[in-house]
């Protein structure tokens, strides 16, 4: 019997990692780091990973799916690590950046447990990685299962993982998108499965009829035009990988089509590194505009954070800077202070903002409010603050329809979502598919991967 164990420490968007086990054979799906916790509490339940782990299959290069990878590979030297070429190319610089962040936190916050791994640890981990192609079955030596990667449409190189065992099929979605983005195509739809291990990120967020991606794209461009017309600049807090490239491509095409002026666009140093990877990998992974090279064609300028003390915002400039959560001491957090007192400027959010993060607090407070920006004194927000939903995740309505009409599993496991998000899917599946087993796998407790026949 194949068992599935949720190694994320709590039912939430956390350190995504899941263990498959059959007899003496075991495989790990992802090895993430919790985005809101620190130190070892941010890692998965690593003590439950068998010493003779056979392989680690990586769904995509976001930190909550790859952040603990050097720790796991160091503890399990014999384990193969398989991912797509796009994921490999993005994961290495992201992990090195994580070392830099942890090293800075050790120095500035006195975190003696940091860094949890070193640059040498990242390099040693990368040596073990192997590239697996989409839609081609592969095996892990003599283990009793077979796997297939399917494009997930989330970020460059992202995959859903098909698991073939016991004459049945399961699908681990990782993070997926069922609609097109600017660069990413909708995910592949590989048919029906016996078990679905499904992300639930947006389960607590209803889609509003008529407000699809095209609506939000056009609304964002209109917001930029209006800001420029009143003599303002625009700050777009974004993640260096994924959202930077999607928004940069959107702005580039908008400039070509005359929807916004040919405004200077600034991106961060890590954002540039990730964009260069997107350019190099453009024909090696499913993507729209496969011939588009963002760096030479969109011509973004690299923003130097050392300029911040002397920076004067200029009308008609766009600052596409990380972090997306506006974490303290990141460029987007620091530069925001220049925007706050200026009524003609705008801060536009285009992706997920965790409610307790500075970005989430600012987004909720909005224009005209007072906000503590980290120095225990309230700052008035006079600039425009708006949100445009350019998500890289499937909406809950799309996931519900896809699961019930196409996947039609006899068992669904709800993961990668906060409690209220998982609860919405559990209720909807119970109403729409009464015979389907709905499981919210408790952390650390093995459950059968497939429905057990009497």
Protein backbone atom coordinates (compact mmCIF):
# COMPACT_ATOMS: atom_id res chain seq x y z
CA UNK A 1 0.00 0.00 0.00
CA UNK A 2 1.21 3.49 -0.87
CA UNK A 3 0.82 6.02 1.94
CA UNK A 4 0.83 9.82 1.81
CA UNK A 5 2.14 11.91 4.72
CA UNK A 6 1.74 15.66 4.94
CA UNK A 7 5.04 17.01 6.30
CA UNK A 8 3.82 20.61 6.43
CA UNK A 9 3.62 21.42 10.14
CA UNK A 10 0.07 22.82 10.04
CA UNK A 11 -2.90 22.96 7.63
CA UNK A 12 -1.89 26.20 5.94
CA UNK A 13 0.23 27.74 3.22
CA UNK A 14 3.52 26.67 4.76
CA UNK A 15 6.61 24.57 4.15
CA UNK A 16 5.10 22.37 1.47
CA UNK A 17 6.50 18.84 1.59
CA UNK A 18 4.77 15.49 1.22
CA UNK A 19 6.06 11.93 1.64
CA UNK A 20 5.04 8.94 -0.46
CA UNK A 21 5.95 5.55 0.98
CA UNK A 22 5.47 1.98 -0.20
CA UNK A 23 7.24 -0.68 1.82
CA UNK A 24 10.92 0.26 1.93
CA UNK A 25 10.60 2.80 -0.89
CA UNK A 26 9.95 6.51 -0.35
CA UNK A 27 9.73 9.67 -2.44
CA UNK A 28 9.39 13.29 -1.31
CA UNK A 29 7.20 15.78 -3.16
CA UNK A 30 8.77 19.24 -2.62
CA UNK A 31 10.89 20.51 0.27
CA UNK A 32 9.68 24.01 1.09
CA UNK A 33 10.26 26.69 3.69
CA UNK A 34 7.41 28.44 5.52
CA UNK A 35 7.06 32.03 4.21
CA UNK A 36 5.96 33.51 7.56
CA UNK A 37 8.10 31.61 10.10
CA UNK A 38 11.78 31.70 10.96
CA UNK A 39 14.51 29.20 11.77
CA UNK A 40 13.86 25.51 12.07
CA UNK A 41 10.15 26.15 12.69
CA UNK A 42 9.94 27.19 9.04
CA UNK A 43 11.10 23.76 7.79
CA UNK A 44 8.94 20.67 7.15
CA UNK A 45 8.80 17.69 9.54
CA UNK A 46 12.20 16.52 8.38
CA UNK A 47 12.59 13.92 11.13
CA UNK A 48 9.84 11.89 9.45
CA UNK A 49 11.73 11.54 6.17
CA UNK A 50 13.23 8.01 5.95
CA UNK A 51 17.02 7.79 5.94
CA UNK A 52 16.97 5.81 2.68
CA UNK A 53 14.84 8.36 0.81
CA UNK A 54 14.85 7.43 -2.87
CA UNK A 55 14.03 10.72 -4.58
CA UNK A 56 12.80 14.28 -4.26
CA UNK A 57 10.45 15.53 -6.98
CA UNK A 58 10.27 19.33 -7.18
CA UNK A 59 7.12 20.98 -8.52
CA UNK A 60 8.45 24.52 -9.00
CA UNK A 61 10.93 27.10 -7.74
CA UNK A 62 8.92 29.12 -5.22
CA UNK A 63 10.49 29.28 -1.77
CA UNK A 64 7.60 27.53 -0.02
CA UNK A 65 8.34 24.50 -2.24
CA UNK A 66 12.17 24.54 -2.51
CA UNK A 67 13.45 26.51 0.48
CA UNK A 68 14.52 23.42 2.49
CA UNK A 69 15.96 21.49 -0.45
CA UNK A 70 19.65 21.90 0.56
CA UNK A 71 18.82 20.62 4.05
CA UNK A 72 17.04 17.53 2.74
CA UNK A 73 19.67 16.66 0.14
CA UNK A 74 22.45 17.04 2.73
CA UNK A 75 20.64 14.65 5.08
CA UNK A 76 19.80 12.13 2.31
CA UNK A 77 22.84 11.91 0.07
CA UNK A 78 21.54 8.98 -1.95
CA UNK A 79 18.28 10.64 -3.00
CA UNK A 80 17.82 11.67 -6.60
CA UNK A 81 16.37 15.14 -7.19
CA UNK A 82 14.24 15.57 -10.29
CA UNK A 83 12.80 18.80 -11.74
CA UNK A 84 12.35 20.55 -15.07
CA UNK A 85 15.11 22.63 -16.65
CA UNK A 86 13.21 25.83 -15.89
CA UNK A 87 12.84 24.94 -12.22
CA UNK A 88 16.52 24.03 -11.92
CA UNK A 89 17.64 27.28 -13.56
CA UNK A 90 15.47 29.34 -11.18
CA UNK A 91 16.04 27.34 -8.00
CA UNK A 92 19.82 27.76 -7.78
CA UNK A 93 19.92 31.60 -7.66
CA UNK A 94 16.87 31.69 -5.40
CA UNK A 95 18.52 29.40 -2.86
CA UNK A 96 21.73 31.42 -2.98
CA UNK A 97 19.64 34.53 -2.32
CA UNK A 98 18.09 32.76 0.67
CA UNK A 99 21.58 32.24 2.09
CA UNK A 100 22.24 35.97 1.69
CA UNK A 101 18.98 36.85 3.47
CA UNK A 102 19.64 34.44 6.35
CA UNK A 103 23.21 35.71 6.70
CA UNK A 104 21.95 39.28 6.92
CA UNK A 105 19.36 38.26 9.52
CA UNK A 106 22.08 36.60 11.59
CA UNK A 107 24.04 39.84 11.57
CA UNK A 108 21.16 42.28 12.05
CA UNK A 109 18.79 40.26 14.25
CA UNK A 110 21.29 38.14 16.15
CA UNK A 111 19.87 34.88 14.77
CA UNK A 112 22.66 32.49 15.78
CA UNK A 113 20.91 29.56 14.05
CA UNK A 114 21.20 31.31 10.67
CA UNK A 115 22.05 30.57 7.98
CA UNK A 116 20.38 27.14 8.02
CA UNK A 117 22.57 26.26 5.03
CA UNK A 118 25.44 27.90 3.18
CA UNK A 119 26.35 28.77 -0.40
CA UNK A 120 28.47 25.61 -0.41
CA UNK A 121 25.41 23.68 0.71
CA UNK A 122 23.42 25.05 -2.23
CA UNK A 123 26.21 24.13 -4.66
CA UNK A 124 26.44 20.62 -3.19
CA UNK A 125 22.68 20.20 -3.51
CA UNK A 126 22.65 21.42 -7.12
CA UNK A 127 25.13 18.72 -8.12
CA UNK A 128 22.48 16.09 -7.32
CA UNK A 129 19.73 17.59 -9.48
CA UNK A 130 18.55 15.81 -12.61
CA UNK A 131 16.34 17.18 -15.37
CA UNK A 132 13.09 15.39 -16.18
CA UNK A 133 11.11 16.24 -19.31
CA UNK A 134 7.40 16.90 -19.45
CA UNK A 135 5.00 14.08 -20.41
CA UNK A 136 7.68 11.37 -20.29
CA UNK A 137 7.26 8.65 -17.64
CA UNK A 138 10.24 8.00 -15.37
CA UNK A 139 10.99 5.54 -12.59
CA UNK A 140 13.08 5.63 -9.43
CA UNK A 141 15.26 2.52 -9.79
CA UNK A 142 13.31 -0.58 -8.71
CA UNK A 143 10.59 1.29 -6.79
CA UNK A 144 6.98 0.17 -7.41
CA UNK A 145 5.81 3.41 -9.00
CA UNK A 146 6.19 5.58 -12.05
CA UNK A 147 5.95 9.35 -12.39
CA UNK A 148 5.07 11.85 -15.12
CA UNK A 149 5.50 15.64 -15.02
CA UNK A 150 2.73 17.74 -16.60
CA UNK A 151 2.95 21.51 -17.16
CA UNK A 152 1.18 23.38 -14.32
CA UNK A 153 0.96 26.85 -15.92
CA UNK A 154 1.99 28.57 -12.65
CA UNK A 155 5.54 29.86 -13.22
CA UNK A 156 8.34 28.90 -15.59
CA UNK A 157 9.08 25.16 -15.26
CA UNK A 158 6.22 24.40 -12.84
CA UNK A 159 4.70 20.93 -12.99
CA UNK A 160 1.94 18.73 -11.68
CA UNK A 161 3.22 15.27 -10.75
CA UNK A 162 1.36 12.15 -11.85
CA UNK A 163 1.92 9.10 -9.62
CA UNK A 164 1.27 5.67 -11.09
CA UNK A 165 1.10 2.85 -8.53
CA UNK A 166 -1.04 -0.16 -7.65
CA UNK A 167 -2.62 0.02 -11.10
CA UNK A 168 -4.06 3.45 -10.30
CA UNK A 169 -3.18 7.09 -10.85
CA UNK A 170 -2.84 10.05 -8.50
CA UNK A 171 -2.05 13.69 -9.32
CA UNK A 172 -0.19 16.14 -7.09
CA UNK A 173 -1.04 19.59 -8.44
CA UNK A 174 1.69 21.64 -6.77
CA UNK A 175 0.59 25.19 -7.64
CA UNK A 176 -1.37 25.41 -10.87
CA UNK A 177 -3.24 27.86 -13.06
CA UNK A 178 -6.10 26.94 -15.36
CA UNK A 179 -6.13 30.29 -17.17
CA UNK A 180 -3.54 32.05 -19.29
CA UNK A 181 -1.16 34.63 -17.92
CA UNK A 182 0.96 37.06 -19.93
CA UNK A 183 3.78 34.53 -20.35
CA UNK A 184 2.53 31.27 -18.87
CA UNK A 185 0.04 29.09 -20.74
CA UNK A 186 -2.85 27.39 -18.90
CA UNK A 187 -1.88 24.08 -17.30
CA UNK A 188 -2.09 20.80 -19.14
CA UNK A 189 -5.23 18.79 -18.43
CA UNK A 190 -4.09 15.16 -18.15
CA UNK A 191 -7.55 13.65 -17.66
CA UNK A 192 -9.15 11.67 -14.84
CA UNK A 193 -7.36 10.38 -11.73
CA UNK A 194 -8.22 8.11 -8.83
CA UNK A 195 -6.72 10.53 -6.26
CA UNK A 196 -6.14 14.27 -6.46
CA UNK A 197 -3.68 16.00 -4.08
CA UNK A 198 -4.81 19.58 -4.62
CA UNK A 199 -3.60 23.04 -3.65
CA UNK A 200 -6.34 25.20 -2.06
CA UNK A 201 -4.59 28.59 -1.95
CA UNK A 202 -7.55 30.68 -3.11
CA UNK A 203 -10.33 28.69 -1.45
CA UNK A 204 -11.36 31.63 0.74
CA UNK A 205 -11.30 34.15 -2.11
CA UNK A 206 -14.35 34.19 -4.42
CA UNK A 207 -13.97 35.33 -8.00
CA UNK A 208 -16.16 38.29 -8.95
CA UNK A 209 -18.18 37.75 -12.18
CA UNK A 210 -16.80 39.85 -15.02
CA UNK A 211 -13.50 40.51 -13.27
CA UNK A 212 -11.24 38.12 -15.15
CA UNK A 213 -7.57 38.53 -15.95
CA UNK A 214 -8.24 40.77 -18.95
CA UNK A 215 -10.34 43.04 -16.72
CA UNK A 216 -7.54 43.42 -14.17
CA UNK A 217 -4.86 43.91 -16.84
CA UNK A 218 -6.81 46.72 -18.46
CA UNK A 219 -7.62 48.24 -15.06
CA UNK A 220 -3.94 48.22 -14.09
CA UNK A 221 -2.92 49.90 -17.34
CA UNK A 222 -5.63 52.52 -16.85
CA UNK A 223 -4.35 53.13 -13.32
CA UNK A 224 -0.82 53.65 -14.65
CA UNK A 225 -2.06 56.08 -17.31
CA UNK A 226 -4.04 58.07 -14.75
CA UNK A 227 -1.03 58.24 -12.43
CA UNK A 228 1.21 59.49 -15.22
CA UNK A 229 -1.37 62.08 -16.32
CA UNK A 230 -1.34 63.66 -12.87
CA UNK A 231 2.46 63.71 -12.82
CA UNK A 232 3.06 60.66 -10.64
CA UNK A 233 5.21 57.55 -10.46
CA UNK A 234 4.11 53.95 -9.84
CA UNK A 235 5.47 51.38 -7.39
CA UNK A 236 4.60 47.73 -8.08
CA UNK A 237 5.83 45.49 -5.21
CA UNK A 238 6.47 42.08 -6.79
CA UNK A 239 8.25 38.81 -6.22
CA UNK A 240 11.56 38.68 -8.06
CA UNK A 241 10.65 35.41 -9.74
CA UNK A 242 7.41 34.94 -11.64
CA UNK A 243 5.49 38.14 -11.01
CA UNK A 244 8.35 40.41 -12.14
CA UNK A 245 8.53 38.67 -15.51
CA UNK A 246 4.74 38.49 -16.00
CA UNK A 247 4.21 42.18 -15.25
CA UNK A 248 7.28 43.26 -17.23
CA UNK A 249 5.93 41.40 -20.29
CA UNK A 250 2.49 42.97 -19.78
CA UNK A 251 3.98 46.48 -19.56
CA UNK A 252 6.23 45.87 -22.56
CA UNK A 253 3.31 44.87 -24.78
CA UNK A 254 1.23 47.75 -23.43
CA UNK A 255 3.96 50.20 -24.46
CA UNK A 256 4.14 48.67 -27.94
CA UNK A 257 0.34 48.92 -28.32
CA UNK A 258 0.24 52.51 -27.06
CA UNK A 259 -1.78 51.66 -23.95
CA UNK A 260 0.80 53.33 -21.71
CA UNK A 261 3.64 55.74 -22.57
CA UNK A 262 7.13 54.37 -23.11
CA UNK A 263 7.92 54.76 -19.44
CA UNK A 264 11.23 53.76 -17.84
CA UNK A 265 10.80 50.53 -15.85
CA UNK A 266 13.11 49.67 -12.95
CA UNK A 267 13.55 46.12 -11.67
CA UNK A 268 15.65 44.79 -8.79
CA UNK A 269 18.95 42.93 -9.09
CA UNK A 270 17.48 39.52 -8.27
CA UNK A 271 14.53 40.31 -10.53
CA UNK A 272 17.00 40.87 -13.35
CA UNK A 273 18.73 37.55 -12.64
CA UNK A 274 15.37 35.75 -12.76
CA UNK A 275 14.38 37.60 -15.93
CA UNK A 276 17.58 36.51 -17.61
CA UNK A 277 16.68 32.90 -16.72
CA UNK A 278 13.24 33.40 -18.28
CA UNK A 279 14.95 34.67 -21.42
CA UNK A 280 17.40 31.75 -21.63
CA UNK A 281 14.69 29.17 -20.94
CA UNK A 282 12.04 30.74 -23.18
CA UNK A 283 11.96 27.88 -25.73
CA UNK A 284 12.69 25.04 -23.28
CA UNK A 285 9.47 25.28 -21.24
CA UNK A 286 5.83 25.90 -22.25
CA UNK A 287 5.38 29.65 -22.59
CA UNK A 288 3.52 32.28 -24.56
CA UNK A 289 5.62 34.72 -26.59
CA UNK A 290 8.42 32.16 -26.79
CA UNK A 291 10.51 34.50 -28.95
CA UNK A 292 10.25 37.42 -26.51
CA UNK A 293 13.50 38.26 -24.71
CA UNK A 294 12.51 40.56 -21.90
CA UNK A 295 15.89 42.11 -21.08
CA UNK A 296 16.90 43.30 -24.58
CA UNK A 297 13.35 44.08 -25.76
CA UNK A 298 11.59 45.52 -22.69
CA UNK A 299 14.91 47.14 -21.65
CA UNK A 300 14.27 47.42 -17.91
CA UNK A 301 16.80 49.39 -15.88
CA UNK A 302 18.33 47.65 -12.86
CA UNK A 303 17.60 49.58 -9.68
CA UNK A 304 20.52 50.00 -7.30
CA UNK A 305 19.30 50.09 -3.66
CA UNK A 306 22.30 52.22 -2.78
CA UNK A 307 20.54 55.06 -4.60
CA UNK A 308 17.66 55.10 -2.10
CA UNK A 309 19.03 57.73 0.32
CA UNK A 310 19.38 60.26 -2.53
CA UNK A 311 16.51 59.04 -4.74
CA UNK A 312 13.96 61.54 -6.04
CA UNK A 313 10.90 59.98 -7.66
CA UNK A 314 10.26 61.11 -11.22
CA UNK A 315 6.96 61.39 -13.00
CA UNK A 316 6.23 58.64 -15.51
CA UNK A 317 8.56 56.06 -13.96
CA UNK A 318 7.56 52.52 -12.93
CA UNK A 319 9.36 50.79 -10.06
CA UNK A 320 8.83 47.01 -10.35
CA UNK A 321 10.65 46.03 -7.17
CA UNK A 322 10.75 43.22 -4.62
CA UNK A 323 9.67 42.05 -2.24
CA UNK A 324 6.03 41.39 -3.04
CA UNK A 325 5.22 41.25 0.68
CA UNK A 326 7.20 44.49 1.24
CA UNK A 327 9.22 42.74 3.94
CA UNK A 328 11.18 45.23 6.09
CA UNK A 329 14.57 46.20 4.67
CA UNK A 330 13.64 45.10 1.16
CA UNK A 331 13.72 47.67 -1.63
CA UNK A 332 9.94 47.91 -2.05
CA UNK A 333 9.49 48.48 1.70
CA UNK A 334 12.12 51.21 1.84
CA UNK A 335 11.11 53.07 -1.32
CA UNK A 336 7.43 53.07 -0.24
CA UNK A 337 8.23 55.84 2.27
CA UNK A 338 8.93 58.14 -0.69
CA UNK A 339 5.51 57.37 -2.17
CA UNK A 340 3.40 57.75 0.99
CA UNK A 341 3.29 61.59 1.17
CA UNK A 342 2.73 62.18 -2.57
CA UNK A 343 -0.93 62.29 -3.66
CA UNK A 344 -0.08 62.05 -7.35
CA UNK A 345 1.90 58.77 -6.94
CA UNK A 346 0.51 55.23 -6.77
CA UNK A 347 1.34 51.90 -5.14
CA UNK A 348 -0.32 49.06 -7.05
CA UNK A 349 -0.43 45.46 -5.79
CA UNK A 350 -0.73 42.73 -8.41
CA UNK A 351 -0.21 39.49 -6.46
CA UNK A 352 -0.84 37.71 -3.19
CA UNK A 353 -0.29 39.78 -0.05
CA UNK A 354 -0.27 37.84 3.22
CA UNK A 355 -2.62 39.83 5.50
CA UNK A 356 -0.12 40.29 8.34
CA UNK A 357 2.75 41.32 6.03
CA UNK A 358 3.53 45.03 5.46
CA UNK A 359 2.04 44.69 1.97
CA UNK A 360 -1.14 43.13 3.35
CA UNK A 361 -1.46 45.81 6.04
CA UNK A 362 -0.87 48.64 3.55
CA UNK A 363 -3.30 47.17 1.03
CA UNK A 364 -5.99 46.86 3.69
CA UNK A 365 -5.38 50.34 5.12
CA UNK A 366 -5.42 52.15 1.77
CA UNK A 367 -5.19 55.81 0.85
CA UNK A 368 -6.04 58.31 3.57
CA UNK A 369 -5.05 56.03 6.45
CA UNK A 370 -2.30 56.13 9.06
CA UNK A 371 0.12 53.21 9.15
CA UNK A 372 3.09 52.11 11.26
CA UNK A 373 5.85 51.36 8.76
CA UNK A 374 8.22 49.77 11.23
CA UNK A 375 9.45 52.59 13.45
CA UNK A 376 6.58 52.78 15.98
CA UNK A 377 5.13 55.97 14.59
CA UNK A 378 2.18 56.41 12.29
CA UNK A 379 2.75 57.66 8.76
CA UNK A 380 -0.10 59.17 6.66
CA UNK A 381 -0.77 57.42 3.34
CA UNK A 382 -1.59 60.08 0.76
CA UNK A 383 -0.64 58.16 -2.39
CA UNK A 384 -3.14 55.99 -4.26
CA UNK A 385 -3.19 52.33 -3.13
CA UNK A 386 -4.99 49.71 -5.25
CA UNK A 387 -5.01 45.96 -5.89
CA UNK A 388 -5.26 44.20 -9.25
CA UNK A 389 -5.68 40.43 -9.12
CA UNK A 390 -3.06 39.10 -11.57
CA UNK A 391 -2.90 35.76 -9.80
CA UNK A 392 -0.70 32.84 -10.83
CA UNK A 393 -3.03 30.40 -9.01
CA UNK A 394 -6.25 28.84 -10.28
CA UNK A 395 -9.40 30.45 -8.90
CA UNK A 396 -11.43 28.33 -6.54
CA UNK A 397 -14.31 28.24 -9.03
CA UNK A 398 -12.03 26.94 -11.81
CA UNK A 399 -10.53 24.30 -9.49
CA UNK A 400 -13.95 23.14 -8.34
CA UNK A 401 -15.22 22.75 -11.91
CA UNK A 402 -12.01 21.08 -13.13
CA UNK A 403 -12.00 18.58 -10.28
CA UNK A 404 -15.67 17.65 -10.53
CA UNK A 405 -15.98 17.53 -14.32
CA UNK A 406 -12.55 16.42 -15.56
CA UNK A 407 -10.47 14.82 -12.82
CA UNK A 408 -13.44 13.11 -11.13
CA UNK A 409 -11.35 11.51 -8.36
CA UNK A 410 -12.72 9.04 -5.86
CA UNK A 411 -10.45 10.68 -3.25
CA UNK A 412 -9.24 14.27 -2.92
CA UNK A 413 -6.61 15.46 -0.47
CA UNK A 414 -6.72 19.16 0.36
CA UNK A 415 -3.32 20.76 0.99
CA UNK A 416 -1.46 24.08 0.57
CA UNK A 417 -4.18 26.35 1.86
CA UNK A 418 -5.20 28.07 5.08
CA UNK A 419 -7.99 26.43 7.15
CA UNK A 420 -10.81 28.55 5.75
CA UNK A 421 -9.64 27.87 2.19
CA UNK A 422 -9.58 24.11 2.75
CA UNK A 423 -12.98 24.27 4.49
CA UNK A 424 -14.60 25.91 1.45
CA UNK A 425 -13.38 23.18 -0.88
CA UNK A 426 -14.40 20.44 1.56
CA UNK A 427 -17.93 21.84 1.73
CA UNK A 428 -18.24 22.31 -2.04
CA UNK A 429 -16.94 18.85 -2.89
CA UNK A 430 -19.31 17.29 -0.37
CA UNK A 431 -22.21 19.03 -2.11
CA UNK A 432 -21.09 18.45 -5.70
CA UNK A 433 -19.51 14.97 -5.42
CA UNK A 434 -21.27 13.18 -2.52
CA UNK A 435 -19.45 9.87 -3.06
CA UNK A 436 -15.97 11.35 -3.11
CA UNK A 437 -13.70 10.90 -0.08
CA UNK A 438 -12.47 14.28 1.15
CA UNK A 439 -9.32 14.22 3.26
CA UNK A 440 -7.44 17.05 4.94
CA UNK A 441 -4.25 15.13 5.77
CA UNK A 442 -3.16 15.90 9.35
CA UNK A 443 0.54 16.77 9.68
CA UNK A 444 2.79 13.76 10.22
CA UNK A 445 0.09 11.08 9.96
CA UNK A 446 0.27 8.62 7.02
CA UNK A 447 -2.95 8.04 5.08
CA UNK A 448 -3.53 5.68 2.13
CA UNK A 449 -2.92 7.37 -1.19
CA UNK A 450 -5.78 5.52 -2.83
CA UNK A 451 -9.26 4.51 -1.67
CA UNK A 452 -9.05 1.07 -0.10
CA UNK A 453 -11.36 -1.56 -1.59
CA UNK A 454 -13.12 -3.96 0.82
